[in-house]
Amino acid sequence: MKFRKKPVVIDAWKIEPSFHEGELAQAVVDGKLKYCEDGSVLIATLEGTMQGLPGDWIIRGVNGEYYPCKPDIFAKTYEAVESAA
């Protein structure tokens, strides 16, 4: 059998030098994210703590969970959508 991923809209943030911690402030307060001095981010996922590196994306899943995603996988899996006004 073959399956297609359901189209869902997610929130995502690219980890880069101009990355603003305030965008994910509540996740930091809740202990889901921790910013490191080297520019990486530690992310509490359902599978354990994972590290997002500069250039990676942080994705908030459909159940509010966070996880890192490498840029090549992100580009193959997601496309930008227009915000509803």
N, C-alpha and C. Protein backbone atom coordinates (compact mmCIF):
# COMPACT_ATOMS: atom_id res chain seq x y z
N MET A 1 0.84 -1.19 0.00
CA MET A 1 0.00 0.00 0.00
C MET A 1 0.88 1.24 0.00
N LYS A 2 0.37 2.29 -0.60
CA LYS A 2 1.06 3.56 -0.59
C LYS A 2 0.18 4.59 0.11
N PHE A 3 0.83 5.56 0.74
CA PHE A 3 0.12 6.60 1.45
C PHE A 3 0.70 7.95 1.08
N ARG A 4 -0.14 8.98 1.13
CA ARG A 4 0.30 10.35 0.90
C ARG A 4 0.15 11.11 2.21
N LYS A 5 1.12 11.92 2.52
CA LYS A 5 1.07 12.74 3.73
C LYS A 5 -0.07 13.75 3.60
N LYS A 6 -0.89 13.84 4.64
CA LYS A 6 -2.00 14.79 4.63
C LYS A 6 -1.46 16.22 4.58
N PRO A 7 -2.12 17.06 3.81
CA PRO A 7 -1.66 18.46 3.78
C PRO A 7 -2.04 19.19 5.07
N VAL A 8 -1.05 19.55 5.83
CA VAL A 8 -1.26 20.30 7.06
C VAL A 8 -0.37 21.54 7.03
N VAL A 9 -0.82 22.58 7.67
CA VAL A 9 -0.03 23.80 7.77
C VAL A 9 0.68 23.78 9.11
N ILE A 10 1.99 23.99 9.08
CA ILE A 10 2.81 23.98 10.30
C ILE A 10 3.47 25.34 10.48
N ASP A 11 3.92 25.60 11.69
CA ASP A 11 4.75 26.76 11.96
C ASP A 11 6.19 26.28 11.97
N ALA A 12 7.09 27.08 11.39
CA ALA A 12 8.50 26.70 11.35
C ALA A 12 9.37 27.94 11.44
N TRP A 13 10.54 27.78 12.06
CA TRP A 13 11.50 28.86 12.24
C TRP A 13 12.86 28.36 11.83
N LYS A 14 13.58 29.13 11.01
CA LYS A 14 14.93 28.75 10.61
C LYS A 14 15.91 29.23 11.67
N ILE A 15 16.81 28.35 12.07
CA ILE A 15 17.84 28.69 13.05
C ILE A 15 18.97 29.39 12.30
N GLU A 16 19.15 30.67 12.55
CA GLU A 16 20.20 31.45 11.90
C GLU A 16 20.62 32.58 12.81
N PRO A 17 21.70 33.28 12.48
CA PRO A 17 22.19 34.35 13.38
C PRO A 17 21.14 35.39 13.74
N SER A 18 20.22 35.68 12.83
CA SER A 18 19.21 36.69 13.13
C SER A 18 17.98 36.09 13.81
N PHE A 19 18.06 34.82 14.18
CA PHE A 19 16.97 34.11 14.83
C PHE A 19 16.64 34.78 16.16
N HIS A 20 15.39 35.09 16.39
CA HIS A 20 14.98 35.80 17.61
C HIS A 20 14.34 34.83 18.59
N GLU A 21 14.92 34.75 19.76
CA GLU A 21 14.40 33.85 20.79
C GLU A 21 12.95 34.15 21.13
N GLY A 22 12.55 35.43 21.06
CA GLY A 22 11.20 35.81 21.43
C GLY A 22 10.11 35.13 20.63
N GLU A 23 10.44 34.71 19.40
CA GLU A 23 9.45 34.04 18.57
C GLU A 23 8.97 32.73 19.20
N LEU A 24 9.81 32.14 20.00
CA LEU A 24 9.49 30.86 20.63
C LEU A 24 9.60 30.95 22.15
N ALA A 25 9.33 32.14 22.69
CA ALA A 25 9.54 32.39 24.12
C ALA A 25 8.77 31.41 25.00
N GLN A 26 7.53 31.12 24.66
CA GLN A 26 6.73 30.23 25.51
C GLN A 26 7.31 28.82 25.52
N ALA A 27 7.85 28.37 24.40
CA ALA A 27 8.47 27.04 24.35
C ALA A 27 9.70 26.99 25.24
N VAL A 28 10.43 28.11 25.33
CA VAL A 28 11.59 28.17 26.23
C VAL A 28 11.12 28.11 27.67
N VAL A 29 10.10 28.91 28.00
CA VAL A 29 9.54 28.92 29.36
C VAL A 29 9.04 27.53 29.74
N ASP A 30 8.42 26.85 28.78
CA ASP A 30 7.87 25.51 29.05
C ASP A 30 8.93 24.42 29.08
N GLY A 31 10.19 24.79 28.82
CA GLY A 31 11.28 23.81 28.85
C GLY A 31 11.39 22.96 27.61
N LYS A 32 10.73 23.35 26.52
CA LYS A 32 10.77 22.57 25.29
C LYS A 32 11.96 22.93 24.42
N LEU A 33 12.48 24.17 24.59
CA LEU A 33 13.63 24.63 23.82
C LEU A 33 14.65 25.26 24.73
N LYS A 34 15.93 25.08 24.38
CA LYS A 34 17.01 25.74 25.12
C LYS A 34 18.03 26.22 24.09
N TYR A 35 18.32 27.52 24.15
CA TYR A 35 19.30 28.11 23.24
C TYR A 35 20.70 27.91 23.80
N CYS A 36 21.64 27.55 22.92
CA CYS A 36 23.03 27.33 23.32
C CYS A 36 23.91 28.45 22.78
N GLU A 37 25.03 28.69 23.46
CA GLU A 37 25.94 29.77 23.08
C GLU A 37 26.52 29.59 21.68
N ASP A 38 26.61 28.36 21.19
CA ASP A 38 27.17 28.13 19.86
C ASP A 38 26.17 28.35 18.73
N GLY A 39 24.95 28.82 19.06
CA GLY A 39 23.93 29.09 18.05
C GLY A 39 22.99 27.94 17.80
N SER A 40 23.25 26.80 18.43
CA SER A 40 22.35 25.66 18.26
C SER A 40 21.20 25.77 19.27
N VAL A 41 20.22 24.89 19.09
CA VAL A 41 19.05 24.86 19.97
C VAL A 41 18.82 23.41 20.39
N LEU A 42 18.64 23.18 21.69
CA LEU A 42 18.26 21.86 22.19
C LEU A 42 16.75 21.81 22.24
N ILE A 43 16.18 20.76 21.68
CA ILE A 43 14.73 20.66 21.53
C ILE A 43 14.25 19.37 22.20
N ALA A 44 13.34 19.52 23.15
CA ALA A 44 12.74 18.35 23.81
C ALA A 44 11.67 17.79 22.88
N THR A 45 11.94 16.62 22.28
CA THR A 45 11.01 16.00 21.36
C THR A 45 10.38 14.77 22.01
N LEU A 46 9.43 14.18 21.32
CA LEU A 46 8.80 12.96 21.81
C LEU A 46 9.81 11.80 21.86
N GLU A 47 10.88 11.90 21.07
CA GLU A 47 11.91 10.86 21.03
C GLU A 47 13.10 11.16 21.93
N GLY A 48 13.07 12.27 22.66
CA GLY A 48 14.18 12.68 23.50
C GLY A 48 14.71 14.02 23.04
N THR A 49 15.80 14.47 23.66
CA THR A 49 16.38 15.77 23.32
C THR A 49 17.16 15.67 22.01
N MET A 50 16.86 16.59 21.09
CA MET A 50 17.55 16.65 19.80
C MET A 50 18.16 18.04 19.66
N GLN A 51 19.19 18.15 18.84
CA GLN A 51 19.86 19.43 18.63
C GLN A 51 19.56 19.95 17.23
N GLY A 52 19.15 21.22 17.16
CA GLY A 52 19.00 21.90 15.89
C GLY A 52 20.19 22.81 15.70
N LEU A 53 20.82 22.74 14.56
CA LEU A 53 22.01 23.53 14.26
C LEU A 53 21.64 24.73 13.40
N PRO A 54 22.51 25.75 13.36
CA PRO A 54 22.25 26.87 12.46
C PRO A 54 22.02 26.35 11.03
N GLY A 55 20.96 26.85 10.40
CA GLY A 55 20.57 26.39 9.07
C GLY A 55 19.43 25.39 9.10
N ASP A 56 19.27 24.69 10.23
CA ASP A 56 18.15 23.76 10.40
C ASP A 56 16.87 24.55 10.66
N TRP A 57 15.77 23.86 10.61
CA TRP A 57 14.47 24.45 10.92
C TRP A 57 13.92 23.84 12.20
N ILE A 58 13.18 24.63 12.97
CA ILE A 58 12.41 24.13 14.11
C ILE A 58 10.96 24.11 13.63
N ILE A 59 10.35 22.95 13.74
CA ILE A 59 8.96 22.79 13.31
C ILE A 59 8.09 22.54 14.53
N ARG A 60 6.92 23.20 14.54
CA ARG A 60 5.91 22.89 15.56
C ARG A 60 4.89 22.00 14.87
N GLY A 61 4.75 20.77 15.35
CA GLY A 61 3.86 19.80 14.74
C GLY A 61 2.39 20.04 15.06
N VAL A 62 1.56 19.16 14.54
CA VAL A 62 0.12 19.32 14.65
C VAL A 62 -0.39 19.20 16.09
N ASN A 63 0.38 18.58 16.97
CA ASN A 63 -0.02 18.46 18.37
C ASN A 63 0.75 19.42 19.28
N GLY A 64 1.42 20.42 18.68
CA GLY A 64 2.15 21.40 19.46
C GLY A 64 3.56 20.97 19.83
N GLU A 65 4.00 19.82 19.35
CA GLU A 65 5.34 19.33 19.64
C GLU A 65 6.35 20.03 18.73
N TYR A 66 7.58 20.12 19.18
CA TYR A 66 8.65 20.76 18.41
C TYR A 66 9.68 19.72 18.03
N TYR A 67 10.28 19.90 16.86
CA TYR A 67 11.37 19.04 16.46
C TYR A 67 12.21 19.73 15.39
N PRO A 68 13.50 19.35 15.28
CA PRO A 68 14.36 19.96 14.26
C PRO A 68 14.19 19.25 12.93
N CYS A 69 14.51 19.97 11.86
CA CYS A 69 14.45 19.40 10.52
C CYS A 69 15.60 19.96 9.70
N LYS A 70 16.36 19.11 9.06
CA LYS A 70 17.46 19.53 8.21
C LYS A 70 16.91 20.28 6.99
N PRO A 71 17.66 21.27 6.50
CA PRO A 71 17.14 22.12 5.42
C PRO A 71 16.79 21.37 4.13
N ASP A 72 17.53 20.33 3.78
CA ASP A 72 17.21 19.60 2.55
C ASP A 72 15.89 18.83 2.67
N ILE A 73 15.64 18.24 3.82
CA ILE A 73 14.39 17.53 4.06
C ILE A 73 13.23 18.53 4.13
N PHE A 74 13.46 19.66 4.79
CA PHE A 74 12.43 20.69 4.88
C PHE A 74 12.02 21.14 3.47
N ALA A 75 12.99 21.41 2.60
CA ALA A 75 12.69 21.88 1.25
C ALA A 75 11.92 20.85 0.43
N LYS A 76 12.17 19.56 0.66
CA LYS A 76 11.46 18.50 -0.07
C LYS A 76 10.06 18.26 0.47
N THR A 77 9.82 18.65 1.73
CA THR A 77 8.58 18.30 2.41
C THR A 77 7.59 19.45 2.51
N TYR A 78 8.08 20.68 2.63
CA TYR A 78 7.21 21.82 2.91
C TYR A 78 7.35 22.90 1.85
N GLU A 79 6.27 23.67 1.68
CA GLU A 79 6.29 24.85 0.83
C GLU A 79 5.56 25.96 1.57
N ALA A 80 5.94 27.20 1.29
CA ALA A 80 5.34 28.34 1.96
C ALA A 80 3.86 28.48 1.56
N VAL A 81 3.05 28.91 2.51
CA VAL A 81 1.64 29.21 2.26
C VAL A 81 1.37 30.66 2.63
N GLU A 82 0.38 31.23 2.01
CA GLU A 82 0.00 32.60 2.34
C GLU A 82 -0.82 32.59 3.62
N SER A 83 -0.58 33.58 4.46
CA SER A 83 -1.33 33.70 5.72
C SER A 83 -2.75 34.14 5.42
N ALA A 84 -3.68 33.64 6.21
CA ALA A 84 -5.07 34.08 6.10
C ALA A 84 -5.19 35.45 6.74
N ALA A 85 -5.75 36.38 6.05
CA ALA A 85 -5.85 37.76 6.56
C ALA A 85 -7.08 37.94 7.41
